[in-house]
Amino acid sequence: MAKRDYYDILGVRRNSTQEEIKRAYKKLAFEYHPDRNPGNVKSEERFKDINAAYQVLSNPEKRAQYDSFGHISGEGFFSDVDFTTNFNDLFGNLFEEVFNAGRRRHAERGRDLKYNLELAFEEAAFGVEKEVVIPKRVMCSECGGGGAAPGGEIVCVMCGGRGEVRYSEGFFAISRTCSNCRGPGRVIKIPCPLCSGEGLITSEQRIKVKVPAGVSDGARLRIRGEGEAGYNGGPSGDLYVEIYVKEHQFFKREGKDVFCDVPVSFVQAALGAEMEIPTLEGKTILRIPPGTQPGQSFRLKGKGVASLNGRGKGDLYIKAQVEVPVKLTSKQKQLLEEFARSGEGDENPAVKKFFEKFRELFG
């Protein structure tokens, strides 16, 4: 029976590039491989034809011979190949993205860690250095991370220390992870007694955390390399520090600005006064002008929180909370009544304006 044209078998044009031929072959070989079609004789025959075609067309010299002379039977260039090898062994590298096979065990990065750090309001505002204690897995000091006791490790006899085994089948040369050592090229016969062969141990570590001035509640600091140690020589993970800022008795913060409510007596608000008030840096004197109204704010420039980028500071806003007397003596009541009778309305402009509009609307 005349053999089918190799180009037709792969479904490519005669002027196709090597990359196009390879893509077509990968798709068809994956579809018709006997491991995916057990017991299907037609798929097995189709698979053999696909591989025979690819063996020729993927080789520039054989392809040129085929284009010139067609099929050569007997013991010529284009004899069939036995493709009974296990699917994963034969195509481990070619279809690695599909079967996730053939991967060597490389060094692995250590796990990241998280720590919740609580700060006082002033510590967050001005910055602070804290020392925290964190239990984490570190490299074993006994075996240096290798996992073997002294003299308890030998070279893998299967791969000779290379960590991989090469297979050759026809025109395929495939490297596979050594099934005996799983990649490192070494076999532990006597595990380290301290880490039980893992190469890592759990230990409490003291770490200094530098908190920058102006950090806010909920911020996250990253400290590189202070996570858990890597496996098989891999890099350490990172430590993430979550910031939690305690509430202050006096201050509240919005961005870089700080706000503080200060009680002011009725007399101080009416006559004006100089008051001692709190700031983040200590006490200071604030002048309350006569006629200060409830809720009126006073700005103290540069008395807020430092910017994280180091460019200036926020402001402190003092809000006057005017307090109305709740307990009056007889004399105080008499004086206030006399004050009310002597008033002409100009001392309470808001009250005067309200009742003028009230009379306009309701008569």
Protein backbone atom coordinates (compact mmCIF):
# COMPACT_ATOMS: atom_id res chain seq x y z
CA MET A 1 0.00 0.00 0.00
CA ALA A 2 1.33 3.43 -0.93
CA LYS A 3 2.25 5.55 2.07
CA ARG A 4 0.48 8.84 2.72
CA ASP A 5 2.31 12.07 2.12
CA TYR A 6 4.09 13.23 5.29
CA TYR A 7 2.91 16.80 4.81
CA ASP A 8 -0.68 15.59 4.58
CA ILE A 9 -0.25 13.50 7.74
CA LEU A 10 0.79 16.57 9.74
CA GLY A 11 -1.64 18.84 7.95
CA VAL A 12 0.99 21.38 6.87
CA ARG A 13 2.03 22.95 3.56
CA ARG A 14 5.18 21.85 1.78
CA ASN A 15 6.74 25.28 2.39
CA SER A 16 5.91 25.29 6.13
CA THR A 17 8.61 26.43 8.54
CA GLN A 18 10.17 24.11 11.11
CA GLU A 19 8.25 25.91 13.87
CA GLU A 20 4.93 25.34 12.06
CA ILE A 21 5.77 21.65 11.60
CA LYS A 22 6.68 21.31 15.26
CA ARG A 23 3.44 22.95 16.42
CA ALA A 24 1.36 20.70 14.18
CA TYR A 25 3.20 17.61 15.41
CA LYS A 26 2.77 18.50 19.11
CA LYS A 27 -0.96 18.97 18.66
CA LEU A 28 -1.49 15.71 16.77
CA ALA A 29 0.86 13.60 18.90
CA PHE A 30 -0.91 14.73 22.03
CA GLU A 31 -4.31 13.95 20.54
CA TYR A 32 -3.51 10.47 19.19
CA HIS A 33 -1.03 9.09 21.74
CA PRO A 34 -1.97 5.54 22.83
CA ASP A 35 -1.87 6.54 26.51
CA ARG A 36 -4.77 8.90 25.83
CA ASN A 37 -6.58 6.37 23.60
CA PRO A 38 -6.09 2.95 25.26
CA GLY A 39 -7.18 0.06 23.08
CA ASN A 40 -7.81 2.22 20.03
CA VAL A 41 -5.91 0.54 17.20
CA LYS A 42 -6.67 3.31 14.70
CA SER A 43 -5.29 5.99 17.05
CA GLU A 44 -2.14 3.91 17.57
CA GLU A 45 -1.57 3.58 13.82
CA ARG A 46 -2.27 7.26 13.33
CA PHE A 47 0.20 8.07 16.09
CA LYS A 48 2.93 6.03 14.41
CA ASP A 49 2.31 7.82 11.09
CA ILE A 50 2.48 11.21 12.83
CA ASN A 51 5.82 10.40 14.45
CA ALA A 52 7.27 8.92 11.29
CA ALA A 53 6.32 12.08 9.40
CA TYR A 54 7.77 14.35 12.07
CA GLN A 55 11.03 12.35 12.24
CA VAL A 56 11.59 13.16 8.60
CA LEU A 57 10.20 16.67 8.24
CA SER A 58 11.86 17.97 11.41
CA ASN A 59 15.29 17.01 10.05
CA PRO A 60 16.43 19.39 7.28
CA GLU A 61 18.56 16.73 5.52
CA LYS A 62 15.89 14.04 5.65
CA ARG A 63 13.27 16.56 4.59
CA ALA A 64 15.34 17.52 1.54
CA GLN A 65 15.75 13.84 0.62
CA TYR A 66 12.01 13.28 1.03
CA ASP A 67 11.12 16.32 -1.07
CA SER A 68 13.40 15.01 -3.84
CA PHE A 69 12.75 11.24 -3.76
CA GLY A 70 9.66 10.65 -1.67
CA HIS A 71 9.45 7.56 0.59
CA ILE A 72 12.44 5.21 0.78
CA SER A 73 11.37 1.75 1.90
CA GLY A 74 13.31 -1.11 3.41
CA GLU A 75 16.33 0.06 5.37
CA GLY A 76 16.29 3.57 3.97
CA PHE A 77 16.05 6.83 5.77
CA PHE A 78 12.37 6.76 6.57
CA SER A 79 11.79 3.43 8.30
CA ASP A 80 9.27 3.35 11.12
CA VAL A 81 10.24 3.86 14.76
CA ASP A 82 8.97 1.89 17.74
CA PHE A 83 6.90 4.32 19.79
CA THR A 84 5.84 2.00 22.61
CA THR A 85 7.75 4.01 25.23
CA ASN A 86 5.68 5.38 28.11
CA PHE A 87 4.01 8.66 27.25
CA ASN A 88 5.44 10.64 30.17
CA ASP A 89 8.99 9.33 29.62
CA LEU A 90 8.94 10.07 25.92
CA PHE A 91 7.18 13.42 25.98
CA GLY A 92 8.05 14.66 29.46
CA ASN A 93 9.90 17.74 28.29
CA LEU A 94 7.91 18.32 25.11
CA PHE A 95 4.56 18.43 26.94
CA GLU A 96 5.82 19.62 30.29
CA GLU A 97 3.35 22.49 30.32
CA VAL A 98 0.47 19.99 29.99
CA PHE A 99 1.57 17.22 32.35
CA ASN A 100 3.79 19.25 34.70
CA ALA A 101 6.38 16.51 34.42
CA GLY A 102 10.14 16.54 34.21
CA ARG A 103 10.65 19.34 36.69
CA ARG A 104 13.73 19.30 38.87
CA ARG A 105 13.34 20.21 42.48
CA HIS A 106 14.86 23.68 42.51
CA ALA A 107 15.59 25.84 45.50
CA GLU A 108 12.39 27.15 47.07
CA ARG A 109 11.82 30.59 48.58
CA GLY A 110 10.89 30.66 52.27
CA ARG A 111 7.41 31.60 53.45
CA ASP A 112 6.48 35.21 54.17
CA LEU A 113 5.49 36.00 57.75
CA LYS A 114 3.11 38.54 59.27
CA TYR A 115 3.35 40.31 62.64
CA ASN A 116 0.83 42.70 64.23
CA LEU A 117 2.57 45.63 65.93
CA GLU A 118 0.66 47.97 68.23
CA LEU A 119 1.96 51.55 68.61
CA ALA A 120 1.11 54.50 70.81
CA PHE A 121 -0.29 57.53 68.98
CA GLU A 122 2.96 59.49 69.51
CA GLU A 123 5.13 56.57 68.34
CA ALA A 124 3.30 56.49 65.04
CA ALA A 125 3.56 60.27 64.71
CA PHE A 126 7.28 60.59 65.44
CA GLY A 127 8.57 57.15 64.45
CA VAL A 128 10.13 54.53 66.68
CA GLU A 129 12.36 51.46 66.64
CA LYS A 130 10.83 48.31 68.13
CA GLU A 131 12.28 44.89 68.80
CA VAL A 132 9.88 42.03 68.17
CA VAL A 133 10.25 38.32 68.87
CA ILE A 134 9.00 36.01 66.12
CA PRO A 135 9.07 32.19 66.00
CA LYS A 136 10.11 31.14 62.52
CA ARG A 137 11.86 28.36 60.63
CA VAL A 138 15.54 29.05 60.11
CA MET A 139 18.39 27.09 58.60
CA CYS A 140 19.51 24.23 60.80
CA SER A 141 22.78 25.14 62.51
CA GLU A 142 23.78 21.50 62.79
CA CYS A 143 23.65 20.47 59.13
CA GLY A 144 23.70 23.91 57.48
CA GLY A 145 20.39 23.25 55.76
CA GLY A 146 21.51 20.04 54.03
CA GLY A 147 19.38 17.79 56.21
CA ALA A 148 22.03 15.08 56.70
CA ALA A 149 24.10 14.16 59.71
CA PRO A 150 27.91 14.39 59.26
CA GLY A 151 28.82 11.70 56.74
CA GLY A 152 25.17 10.75 56.33
CA GLU A 153 24.79 11.85 52.72
CA ILE A 154 25.90 10.02 49.59
CA VAL A 155 25.89 10.77 45.88
CA CYS A 156 22.84 9.37 44.13
CA VAL A 157 23.85 6.18 42.32
CA MET A 158 21.07 6.49 39.75
CA CYS A 159 21.96 9.94 38.36
CA GLY A 160 25.57 10.17 39.51
CA GLY A 161 24.94 13.45 41.35
CA ARG A 162 23.47 15.28 38.35
CA GLY A 163 19.90 15.25 39.68
CA GLU A 164 18.51 14.17 36.32
CA VAL A 165 18.50 11.15 34.07
CA ARG A 166 18.69 11.37 30.29
CA TYR A 167 16.58 9.15 28.05
CA SER A 168 17.13 8.65 24.33
CA GLU A 169 14.45 7.30 22.03
CA GLY A 170 14.96 7.71 18.32
CA PHE A 171 15.49 11.37 17.64
CA PHE A 172 14.37 12.36 21.18
CA ALA A 173 16.91 13.14 23.91
CA ILE A 174 14.98 13.88 27.08
CA SER A 175 16.13 14.88 30.57
CA ARG A 176 13.98 13.74 33.47
CA THR A 177 14.23 14.44 37.17
CA CYS A 178 15.94 11.58 38.92
CA SER A 179 13.26 9.48 40.63
CA ASN A 180 15.69 8.35 43.29
CA CYS A 181 16.98 11.67 44.69
CA ARG A 182 14.19 13.90 43.30
CA GLY A 183 16.66 16.44 41.93
CA PRO A 184 19.45 17.38 44.37
CA GLY A 185 21.78 14.59 43.20
CA ARG A 186 22.31 13.48 46.81
CA VAL A 187 20.60 10.91 49.01
CA ILE A 188 20.36 11.27 52.78
CA LYS A 189 21.11 7.98 54.51
CA ILE A 190 21.46 9.38 58.04
CA PRO A 191 19.24 12.44 58.71
CA CYS A 192 20.40 15.29 60.90
CA PRO A 193 19.23 14.61 64.47
CA LEU A 194 18.44 18.28 65.12
CA CYS A 195 16.13 18.95 62.15
CA SER A 196 15.19 15.33 61.32
CA GLY A 197 16.43 15.78 57.77
CA GLU A 198 14.36 18.87 56.91
CA GLY A 199 17.27 21.30 56.95
CA LEU A 200 15.17 23.83 58.91
CA ILE A 201 14.33 24.26 62.59
CA THR A 202 11.89 26.53 64.42
CA SER A 203 13.51 29.18 66.57
CA GLU A 204 12.50 32.47 68.20
CA GLN A 205 14.23 35.38 66.46
CA ARG A 206 14.60 38.95 67.71
CA ILE A 207 14.09 41.43 64.89
CA LYS A 208 14.40 45.21 64.99
CA VAL A 209 11.59 47.07 63.23
CA LYS A 210 12.19 50.70 62.27
CA VAL A 211 8.83 52.46 62.09
CA PRO A 212 9.02 55.71 60.08
CA ALA A 213 7.51 58.93 61.39
CA GLY A 214 3.99 59.52 60.12
CA VAL A 215 2.97 55.88 59.71
CA SER A 216 -0.80 55.44 59.95
CA ASP A 217 -3.10 52.82 61.39
CA GLY A 218 -3.42 49.81 59.07
CA ALA A 219 -0.12 50.48 57.28
CA ARG A 220 2.08 47.52 56.33
CA LEU A 221 5.87 47.52 56.58
CA ARG A 222 7.93 45.03 54.58
CA ILE A 223 11.24 43.78 55.95
CA ARG A 224 13.06 41.83 53.26
CA GLY A 225 14.65 38.53 54.15
CA GLU A 226 13.20 38.30 57.65
CA GLY A 227 10.63 35.65 56.79
CA GLU A 228 11.29 31.93 57.01
CA ALA A 229 14.47 30.47 55.55
CA GLY A 230 14.34 29.06 52.04
CA TYR A 231 14.46 25.35 51.28
CA ASN A 232 17.31 23.66 49.46
CA GLY A 233 19.35 26.89 49.39
CA GLY A 234 16.49 29.14 48.30
CA PRO A 235 16.14 32.76 49.50
CA SER A 236 14.34 33.67 52.71
CA GLY A 237 10.84 35.09 52.65
CA ASP A 238 9.88 38.55 53.88
CA LEU A 239 8.33 39.79 57.11
CA TYR A 240 5.22 41.98 56.86
CA VAL A 241 4.50 44.14 59.90
CA GLU A 242 0.89 45.32 60.23
CA ILE A 243 0.62 48.60 62.18
CA TYR A 244 -2.16 49.19 64.71
CA VAL A 245 -2.22 52.64 66.37
CA LYS A 246 -3.86 53.05 69.78
CA GLU A 247 -6.46 55.74 70.26
CA HIS A 248 -5.34 58.90 72.11
CA GLN A 249 -7.19 60.53 74.98
CA PHE A 250 -7.11 63.96 73.32
CA PHE A 251 -6.06 63.67 69.68
CA LYS A 252 -7.64 62.31 66.52
CA ARG A 253 -5.84 62.11 63.22
CA GLU A 254 -6.87 62.66 59.60
CA GLY A 255 -3.93 62.21 57.27
CA LYS A 256 -1.17 64.53 58.45
CA ASP A 257 -3.50 66.78 60.48
CA VAL A 258 -4.38 66.30 64.13
CA PHE A 259 -7.58 67.48 65.84
CA CYS A 260 -8.25 68.18 69.49
CA ASP A 261 -11.44 69.32 71.25
CA VAL A 262 -10.75 71.73 74.14
CA PRO A 263 -13.50 72.75 76.61
CA VAL A 264 -13.83 76.54 77.02
CA SER A 265 -15.90 78.13 79.74
CA PHE A 266 -18.73 80.53 79.00
CA VAL A 267 -16.77 83.43 80.48
CA GLN A 268 -13.52 82.56 78.64
CA ALA A 269 -15.36 82.40 75.34
CA ALA A 270 -17.12 85.72 76.00
CA LEU A 271 -14.20 87.71 77.37
CA GLY A 272 -11.28 85.94 75.75
CA ALA A 273 -8.46 84.17 77.56
CA GLU A 274 -5.07 82.53 77.31
CA MET A 275 -5.30 78.76 77.79
CA GLU A 276 -2.79 75.96 78.22
CA ILE A 277 -3.50 73.24 75.65
CA PRO A 278 -1.88 69.89 74.72
CA THR A 279 0.10 69.25 71.52
CA LEU A 280 2.01 66.20 70.31
CA GLU A 281 5.22 67.86 71.44
CA GLY A 282 3.98 68.95 74.85
CA LYS A 283 2.05 71.91 76.31
CA THR A 284 1.65 75.32 74.70
CA ILE A 285 -0.38 78.51 75.21
CA LEU A 286 -3.36 79.31 72.97
CA ARG A 287 -5.00 82.73 72.97
CA ILE A 288 -8.80 82.54 72.83
CA PRO A 289 -10.19 85.81 71.41
CA PRO A 290 -13.28 87.49 72.95
CA GLY A 291 -16.55 86.25 71.47
CA THR A 292 -15.27 82.77 70.58
CA GLN A 293 -18.17 80.65 69.36
CA PRO A 294 -18.86 76.95 70.04
CA GLY A 295 -17.06 74.72 67.54
CA GLN A 296 -14.71 77.48 66.38
CA SER A 297 -11.31 76.04 65.34
CA PHE A 298 -7.84 77.43 65.78
CA ARG A 299 -4.97 76.23 63.60
CA LEU A 300 -1.48 75.65 64.93
CA LYS A 301 0.67 75.31 61.82
CA GLY A 302 3.28 72.53 61.71
CA LYS A 303 2.06 70.90 64.93
CA GLY A 304 0.59 67.85 63.20
CA VAL A 305 2.17 64.59 61.95
CA ALA A 306 5.24 64.34 59.75
CA SER A 307 4.76 63.27 56.13
CA LEU A 308 6.09 59.81 55.28
CA ASN A 309 8.07 61.25 52.37
CA GLY A 310 9.73 63.73 54.74
CA ARG A 311 8.17 66.78 53.11
CA GLY A 312 6.75 68.88 55.91
CA LYS A 313 4.25 68.27 58.66
CA GLY A 314 0.52 68.61 59.09
CA ASP A 315 -1.29 71.06 61.39
CA LEU A 316 -3.00 70.85 64.76
CA TYR A 317 -6.59 72.10 64.92
CA ILE A 318 -8.00 73.08 68.30
CA LYS A 319 -11.81 73.13 68.41
CA ALA A 320 -13.40 75.23 71.15
CA GLN A 321 -16.17 73.39 72.91
CA VAL A 322 -17.91 76.19 74.81
CA GLU A 323 -19.46 74.85 77.99
CA VAL A 324 -22.68 76.37 79.33
CA PRO A 325 -22.80 76.51 83.16
CA VAL A 326 -24.95 73.73 84.62
CA LYS A 327 -24.98 74.68 88.33
CA LEU A 328 -25.42 78.32 89.30
CA THR A 329 -25.56 79.98 92.68
CA SER A 330 -28.26 82.50 93.45
CA LYS A 331 -25.86 85.34 92.95
CA GLN A 332 -24.71 83.97 89.57
CA LYS A 333 -28.31 83.65 88.43
CA GLN A 334 -29.02 87.21 89.55
CA LEU A 335 -26.00 88.52 87.65
CA LEU A 336 -26.97 86.67 84.50
CA GLU A 337 -30.54 87.95 84.70
CA GLU A 338 -29.21 91.48 85.11
CA PHE A 339 -26.91 90.87 82.12
CA ALA A 340 -29.84 89.73 80.03
CA ARG A 341 -31.95 92.79 80.96
CA SER A 342 -29.14 95.17 80.17
CA GLY A 343 -28.49 93.68 76.75
CA GLU A 344 -29.50 95.46 73.55
CA GLY A 345 -29.23 92.39 71.30
CA ASP A 346 -25.92 93.22 69.67
CA GLU A 347 -24.07 90.94 72.08
CA ASN A 348 -25.86 87.94 70.51
CA PRO A 349 -26.01 88.72 66.75
CA ALA A 350 -26.98 85.19 65.71
CA VAL A 351 -29.93 85.17 68.10
CA LYS A 352 -31.01 88.63 66.95
CA LYS A 353 -30.84 87.68 63.27
CA PHE A 354 -32.78 84.44 63.79
CA PHE A 355 -35.71 86.12 65.54
CA GLU A 356 -35.86 88.92 63.00
CA LYS A 357 -36.38 86.31 60.25
CA PHE A 358 -38.76 84.38 62.47
CA ARG A 359 -40.99 87.46 62.88
CA GLU A 360 -40.88 88.12 59.12
CA LEU A 361 -42.16 84.61 58.38
CA PHE A 362 -44.64 84.07 61.21
CA GLY A 363 -45.55 87.63 62.25
